[in-house]
């Protein structure tokens, strides 16, 4: 009988998970507070962006 082609070694899974984890660490979550024009209360917006784009994003917010 031939080996099942769908099986993946435990080592390959670990390497794949490590690569995905490294890629996901390149992103950060920004929470920006804004004043609602309608109610005057603070509203918090959450955005996930690449860590290299943080300064550009904050500069474009004007705050």
PDB file of N, CA and C in Angstrom:
ATOM      1  N   UNK A   1       0.828  -1.185   0.000  1.00  0.00           N
ATOM      2  CA  UNK A   1       0.000   0.000   0.000  1.00  0.00           C
ATOM      3  C   UNK A   1       0.878   1.257   0.000  1.00  0.00           C
ATOM      4  N   UNK A   2       0.456   2.249  -0.707  1.00  0.00           N
ATOM      5  CA  UNK A   2       1.180   3.514  -0.766  1.00  0.00           C
ATOM      6  C   UNK A   2       0.759   4.403   0.389  1.00  0.00           C
ATOM      7  N   UNK A   3       1.657   5.266   0.777  1.00  0.00           N
ATOM      8  CA  UNK A   3       1.334   6.212   1.857  1.00  0.00           C
ATOM      9  C   UNK A   3       0.253   7.174   1.393  1.00  0.00           C
ATOM     10  N   UNK A   4      -0.545   7.640   2.335  1.00  0.00           N
ATOM     11  CA  UNK A   4      -1.608   8.605   2.027  1.00  0.00           C
ATOM     12  C   UNK A   4      -0.975   9.945   1.677  1.00  0.00           C
ATOM     13  N   UNK A   5      -1.314  10.493   0.528  1.00  0.00           N
ATOM     14  CA  UNK A   5      -0.726  11.749   0.059  1.00  0.00           C
ATOM     15  C   UNK A   5      -1.215  12.945   0.869  1.00  0.00           C
ATOM     16  N   UNK A   6      -2.313  12.809   1.607  1.00  0.00           N
ATOM     17  CA  UNK A   6      -2.882  13.917   2.357  1.00  0.00           C
ATOM     18  C   UNK A   6      -2.219  14.170   3.695  1.00  0.00           C
ATOM     19  N   UNK A   7      -1.376  13.236   4.140  1.00  0.00           N
ATOM     20  CA  UNK A   7      -0.736  13.394   5.448  1.00  0.00           C
ATOM     21  C   UNK A   7       0.455  14.340   5.358  1.00  0.00           C
ATOM     22  N   UNK A   8       0.643  15.131   6.396  1.00  0.00           N
ATOM     23  CA  UNK A   8       1.759  16.067   6.465  1.00  0.00           C
ATOM     24  C   UNK A   8       2.518  15.774   7.751  1.00  0.00           C
ATOM     25  N   UNK A   9       3.829  15.815   7.681  1.00  0.00           N
ATOM     26  CA  UNK A   9       4.629  15.517   8.862  1.00  0.00           C
ATOM     27  C   UNK A   9       4.423  16.585   9.935  1.00  0.00           C
ATOM     28  N   UNK A  10       4.656  16.186  11.171  1.00  0.00           N
ATOM     29  CA  UNK A  10       4.506  17.102  12.291  1.00  0.00           C
ATOM     30  C   UNK A  10       5.487  18.273  12.168  1.00  0.00           C
ATOM     31  N   UNK A  11       6.683  18.000  11.660  1.00  0.00           N
ATOM     32  CA  UNK A  11       7.691  19.034  11.463  1.00  0.00           C
ATOM     33  C   UNK A  11       7.221  20.081  10.467  1.00  0.00           C
ATOM     34  N   UNK A  12       6.620  19.645   9.383  1.00  0.00           N
ATOM     35  CA  UNK A  12       6.148  20.577   8.361  1.00  0.00           C
ATOM     36  C   UNK A  12       5.055  21.482   8.929  1.00  0.00           C
ATOM     37  N   UNK A  13       4.183  20.933   9.763  1.00  0.00           N
ATOM     38  CA  UNK A  13       3.122  21.732  10.374  1.00  0.00           C
ATOM     39  C   UNK A  13       3.713  22.801  11.281  1.00  0.00           C
ATOM     40  N   UNK A  14       4.732  22.432  12.063  1.00  0.00           N
ATOM     41  CA  UNK A  14       5.362  23.365  12.991  1.00  0.00           C
ATOM     42  C   UNK A  14       6.038  24.502  12.228  1.00  0.00           C
ATOM     43  N   UNK A  15       6.709  24.187  11.142  1.00  0.00           N
ATOM     44  CA  UNK A  15       7.376  25.206  10.353  1.00  0.00           C
ATOM     45  C   UNK A  15       6.354  26.152   9.727  1.00  0.00           C
ATOM     46  N   UNK A  16       5.244  25.598   9.271  1.00  0.00           N
ATOM     47  CA  UNK A  16       4.189  26.411   8.671  1.00  0.00           C
ATOM     48  C   UNK A  16       3.600  27.358   9.716  1.00  0.00           C
ATOM     49  N   UNK A  17       3.343  26.848  10.916  1.00  0.00           N
ATOM     50  CA  UNK A  17       2.793  27.679  11.993  1.00  0.00           C
ATOM     51  C   UNK A  17       3.758  28.788  12.379  1.00  0.00           C
ATOM     52  N   UNK A  18       5.055  28.485  12.417  1.00  0.00           N
ATOM     53  CA  UNK A  18       6.059  29.486  12.774  1.00  0.00           C
ATOM     54  C   UNK A  18       6.100  30.601  11.725  1.00  0.00           C
ATOM     55  N   UNK A  19       5.973  30.221  10.461  1.00  0.00           N
ATOM     56  CA  UNK A  19       5.985  31.226   9.391  1.00  0.00           C
ATOM     57  C   UNK A  19       4.752  32.118   9.480  1.00  0.00           C
ATOM     58  N   UNK A  20       3.596  31.541   9.768  1.00  0.00           N
ATOM     59  CA  UNK A  20       2.373  32.334   9.898  1.00  0.00           C
ATOM     60  C   UNK A  20       2.455  33.262  11.096  1.00  0.00           C
ATOM     61  N   UNK A  21       3.028  32.796  12.195  1.00  0.00           N
ATOM     62  CA  UNK A  21       3.163  33.618  13.392  1.00  0.00           C
ATOM     63  C   UNK A  21       4.087  34.797  13.126  1.00  0.00           C
ATOM     64  N   UNK A  22       5.179  34.556  12.437  1.00  0.00           N
ATOM     65  CA  UNK A  22       6.117  35.629  12.118  1.00  0.00           C
ATOM     66  C   UNK A  22       5.460  36.676  11.232  1.00  0.00           C
ATOM     67  N   UNK A  23       4.651  36.230  10.282  1.00  0.00           N
ATOM     68  CA  UNK A  23       3.979  37.167   9.382  1.00  0.00           C
ATOM     69  C   UNK A  23       2.918  37.976  10.135  1.00  0.00           C
ATOM     70  N   UNK A  24       2.234  37.344  11.070  1.00  0.00           N
ATOM     71  CA  UNK A  24       1.178  38.054  11.789  1.00  0.00           C
ATOM     72  C   UNK A  24       1.734  39.070  12.782  1.00  0.00           C
ATOM     73  N   UNK A  25       2.971  38.900  13.211  1.00  0.00           N
ATOM     74  CA  UNK A  25       3.572  39.856  14.134  1.00  0.00           C
ATOM     75  C   UNK A  25       3.954  41.155  13.442  1.00  0.00           C
ATOM     76  N   UNK A  26       3.824  41.197  12.139  1.00  0.00           N
ATOM     77  CA  UNK A  26       4.139  42.405  11.383  1.00  0.00           C
ATOM     78  C   UNK A  26       2.967  43.386  11.402  1.00  0.00           C
ATOM     79  N   UNK A  27       1.843  42.999  11.990  1.00  0.00           N
ATOM     80  CA  UNK A  27       0.656  43.851  12.034  1.00  0.00           C
ATOM     81  C   UNK A  27       0.382  44.294  13.464  1.00  0.00           C
ATOM     82  N   UNK A  28      -0.163  45.492  13.604  1.00  0.00           N
ATOM     83  CA  UNK A  28      -0.508  46.028  14.915  1.00  0.00           C
ATOM     84  C   UNK A  28      -1.956  46.519  14.891  1.00  0.00           C
ATOM     85  N   UNK A  29      -2.539  46.602  16.065  1.00  0.00           N
ATOM     86  CA  UNK A  29      -3.912  47.078  16.194  1.00  0.00           C
ATOM     87  C   UNK A  29      -3.879  48.478  16.786  1.00  0.00           C
ATOM     88  N   UNK A  30      -4.442  49.423  16.058  1.00  0.00           N
ATOM     89  CA  UNK A  30      -4.512  50.800  16.533  1.00  0.00           C
ATOM     90  C   UNK A  30      -5.924  51.089  17.016  1.00  0.00           C
ATOM     91  N   UNK A  31      -6.011  51.762  18.133  1.00  0.00           N
ATOM     92  CA  UNK A  31      -7.307  52.196  18.651  1.00  0.00           C
ATOM     93  C   UNK A  31      -7.256  53.712  18.719  1.00  0.00           C
ATOM     94  N   UNK A  32      -8.117  54.358  17.937  1.00  0.00           N
ATOM     95  CA  UNK A  32      -8.116  55.808  17.835  1.00  0.00           C
ATOM     96  C   UNK A  32      -9.421  56.330  18.428  1.00  0.00           C
ATOM     97  N   UNK A  33      -9.318  57.298  19.340  1.00  0.00           N
ATOM     98  CA  UNK A  33     -10.526  57.895  19.925  1.00  0.00           C
ATOM     99  C   UNK A  33     -10.902  59.133  19.124  1.00  0.00           C
ATOM    100  N   UNK A  34     -12.186  59.272  18.870  1.00  0.00           N
ATOM    101  CA  UNK A  34     -12.708  60.427  18.145  1.00  0.00           C
ATOM    102  C   UNK A  34     -13.932  60.938  18.878  1.00  0.00           C
ATOM    103  N   UNK A  35     -14.206  62.192  18.680  1.00  0.00           N
ATOM    104  CA  UNK A  35     -15.390  62.801  19.282  1.00  0.00           C
ATOM    105  C   UNK A  35     -16.543  62.689  18.284  1.00  0.00           C
ATOM    106  N   UNK A  36     -17.650  62.121  18.696  1.00  0.00           N
ATOM    107  CA  UNK A  36     -18.809  61.987  17.826  1.00  0.00           C
ATOM    108  C   UNK A  36     -19.462  63.352  17.642  1.00  0.00           C
ATOM    109  N   UNK A  37     -19.705  63.723  16.395  1.00  0.00           N
ATOM    110  CA  UNK A  37     -20.353  65.013  16.124  1.00  0.00           C
ATOM    111  C   UNK A  37     -21.811  64.990  16.544  1.00  0.00           C
ATOM    112  N   UNK A  38     -22.422  63.834  16.455  1.00  0.00           N
ATOM    113  CA  UNK A  38     -23.842  63.714  16.750  1.00  0.00           C
ATOM    114  C   UNK A  38     -24.135  63.797  18.253  1.00  0.00           C
ATOM    115  N   UNK A  39     -23.386  63.035  19.059  1.00  0.00           N
ATOM    116  CA  UNK A  39     -23.677  62.970  20.489  1.00  0.00           C
ATOM    117  C   UNK A  39     -22.658  63.678  21.358  1.00  0.00           C
ATOM    118  N   UNK A  40     -21.478  63.928  20.842  1.00  0.00           N
ATOM    119  CA  UNK A  40     -20.431  64.559  21.640  1.00  0.00           C
ATOM    120  C   UNK A  40     -19.648  63.561  22.477  1.00  0.00           C
ATOM    121  N   UNK A  41     -20.052  62.301  22.451  1.00  0.00           N
ATOM    122  CA  UNK A  41     -19.351  61.269  23.217  1.00  0.00           C
ATOM    123  C   UNK A  41     -18.136  60.781  22.425  1.00  0.00           C
ATOM    124  N   UNK A  42     -17.230  60.143  23.132  1.00  0.00           N
ATOM    125  CA  UNK A  42     -16.060  59.586  22.449  1.00  0.00           C
ATOM    126  C   UNK A  42     -16.422  58.264  21.788  1.00  0.00           C
ATOM    127  N   UNK A  43     -15.873  58.066  20.592  1.00  0.00           N
ATOM    128  CA  UNK A  43     -16.059  56.834  19.838  1.00  0.00           C
ATOM    129  C   UNK A  43     -14.670  56.277  19.580  1.00  0.00           C
ATOM    130  N   UNK A  44     -14.512  54.988  19.755  1.00  0.00           N
ATOM    131  CA  UNK A  44     -13.210  54.355  19.547  1.00  0.00           C
ATOM    132  C   UNK A  44     -13.250  53.506  18.290  1.00  0.00           C
ATOM    133  N   UNK A  45     -12.340  53.807  17.369  1.00  0.00           N
ATOM    134  CA  UNK A  45     -12.225  53.038  16.131  1.00  0.00           C
ATOM    135  C   UNK A  45     -10.998  52.151  16.232  1.00  0.00           C
ATOM    136  N   UNK A  46     -11.148  50.897  15.833  1.00  0.00           N
ATOM    137  CA  UNK A  46     -10.037  49.952  15.848  1.00  0.00           C
ATOM    138  C   UNK A  46      -9.662  49.627  14.416  1.00  0.00           C
ATOM    139  N   UNK A  47      -8.368  49.551  14.171  1.00  0.00           N
ATOM    140  CA  UNK A  47      -7.897  49.259  12.833  1.00  0.00           C
ATOM    141  C   UNK A  47      -6.633  48.421  12.944  1.00  0.00           C
ATOM    142  N   UNK A  48      -6.506  47.400  12.120  1.00  0.00           N
ATOM    143  CA  UNK A  48      -5.317  46.565  12.087  1.00  0.00           C
ATOM    144  C   UNK A  48      -4.545  46.919  10.825  1.00  0.00           C
ATOM    145  N   UNK A  49      -3.304  47.395  11.014  1.00  0.00           N
ATOM    146  CA  UNK A  49      -2.485  47.796   9.876  1.00  0.00           C
ATOM    147  C   UNK A  49      -1.065  47.259  10.045  1.00  0.00           C
ATOM    148  N   UNK A  50      -0.299  47.321   8.975  1.00  0.00           N
ATOM    149  CA  UNK A  50       1.092  46.868   9.014  1.00  0.00           C
ATOM    150  C   UNK A  50       1.907  47.841   9.860  1.00  0.00           C
ATOM    151  N   UNK A  51       2.849  47.307  10.615  1.00  0.00           N
ATOM    152  CA  UNK A  51       3.601  48.160  11.545  1.00  0.00           C
ATOM    153  C   UNK A  51       4.433  49.222  10.845  1.00  0.00           C
ATOM    154  N   UNK A  52       4.756  49.037   9.572  1.00  0.00           N
ATOM    155  CA  UNK A  52       5.514  50.043   8.837  1.00  0.00           C
ATOM    156  C   UNK A  52       4.648  51.235   8.431  1.00  0.00           C
ATOM    157  N   UNK A  53       3.339  51.102   8.487  1.00  0.00           N
ATOM    158  CA  UNK A  53       2.421  52.152   8.045  1.00  0.00           C
ATOM    159  C   UNK A  53       1.793  52.939   9.194  1.00  0.00           C
ATOM    160  N   UNK A  54       2.226  52.689  10.432  1.00  0.00           N
ATOM    161  CA  UNK A  54       1.609  53.321  11.602  1.00  0.00           C
ATOM    162  C   UNK A  54       1.758  54.842  11.566  1.00  0.00           C
ATOM    163  N   UNK A  55       2.971  55.333  11.332  1.00  0.00           N
ATOM    164  CA  UNK A  55       3.199  56.792  11.327  1.00  0.00           C
ATOM    165  C   UNK A  55       2.394  57.476  10.243  1.00  0.00           C
ATOM    166  N   UNK A  56       2.318  56.846   9.072  1.00  0.00           N
ATOM    167  CA  UNK A  56       1.544  57.423   7.981  1.00  0.00           C
ATOM    168  C   UNK A  56       0.062  57.493   8.324  1.00  0.00           C
ATOM    169  N   UNK A  57      -0.447  56.442   8.939  1.00  0.00           N
ATOM    170  CA  UNK A  57      -1.858  56.405   9.328  1.00  0.00           C
ATOM    171  C   UNK A  57      -2.174  57.485  10.353  1.00  0.00           C
ATOM    172  N   UNK A  58      -1.329  57.618  11.371  1.00  0.00           N
ATOM    173  CA  UNK A  58      -1.572  58.615  12.412  1.00  0.00           C
ATOM    174  C   UNK A  58      -1.438  60.036  11.861  1.00  0.00           C
ATOM    175  N   UNK A  59      -0.519  60.239  10.931  1.00  0.00           N
ATOM    176  CA  UNK A  59      -0.369  61.563  10.330  1.00  0.00           C
ATOM    177  C   UNK A  59      -1.599  61.923   9.506  1.00  0.00           C
ATOM    178  N   UNK A  60      -2.191  60.948   8.859  1.00  0.00           N
ATOM    179  CA  UNK A  60      -3.362  61.216   8.022  1.00  0.00           C
ATOM    180  C   UNK A  60      -4.611  61.484   8.882  1.00  0.00           C
ATOM    181  N   UNK A  61      -4.586  61.080  10.150  1.00  0.00           N
ATOM    182  CA  UNK A  61      -5.715  61.310  11.047  1.00  0.00           C
ATOM    183  C   UNK A  61      -5.792  62.759  11.484  1.00  0.00           C
ATOM    184  N   UNK A  62      -4.684  63.442  11.487  1.00  0.00           N
ATOM    185  CA  UNK A  62      -4.675  64.856  11.857  1.00  0.00           C
ATOM    186  C   UNK A  62      -4.759  65.110  13.340  1.00  0.00           C
ATOM    187  N   UNK A  63      -4.590  64.086  14.145  1.00  0.00           N
ATOM    188  CA  UNK A  63      -4.647  64.260  15.605  1.00  0.00           C
ATOM    189  C   UNK A  63      -3.285  64.234  16.222  1.00  0.00           C
TER     190      UNK A  63
END
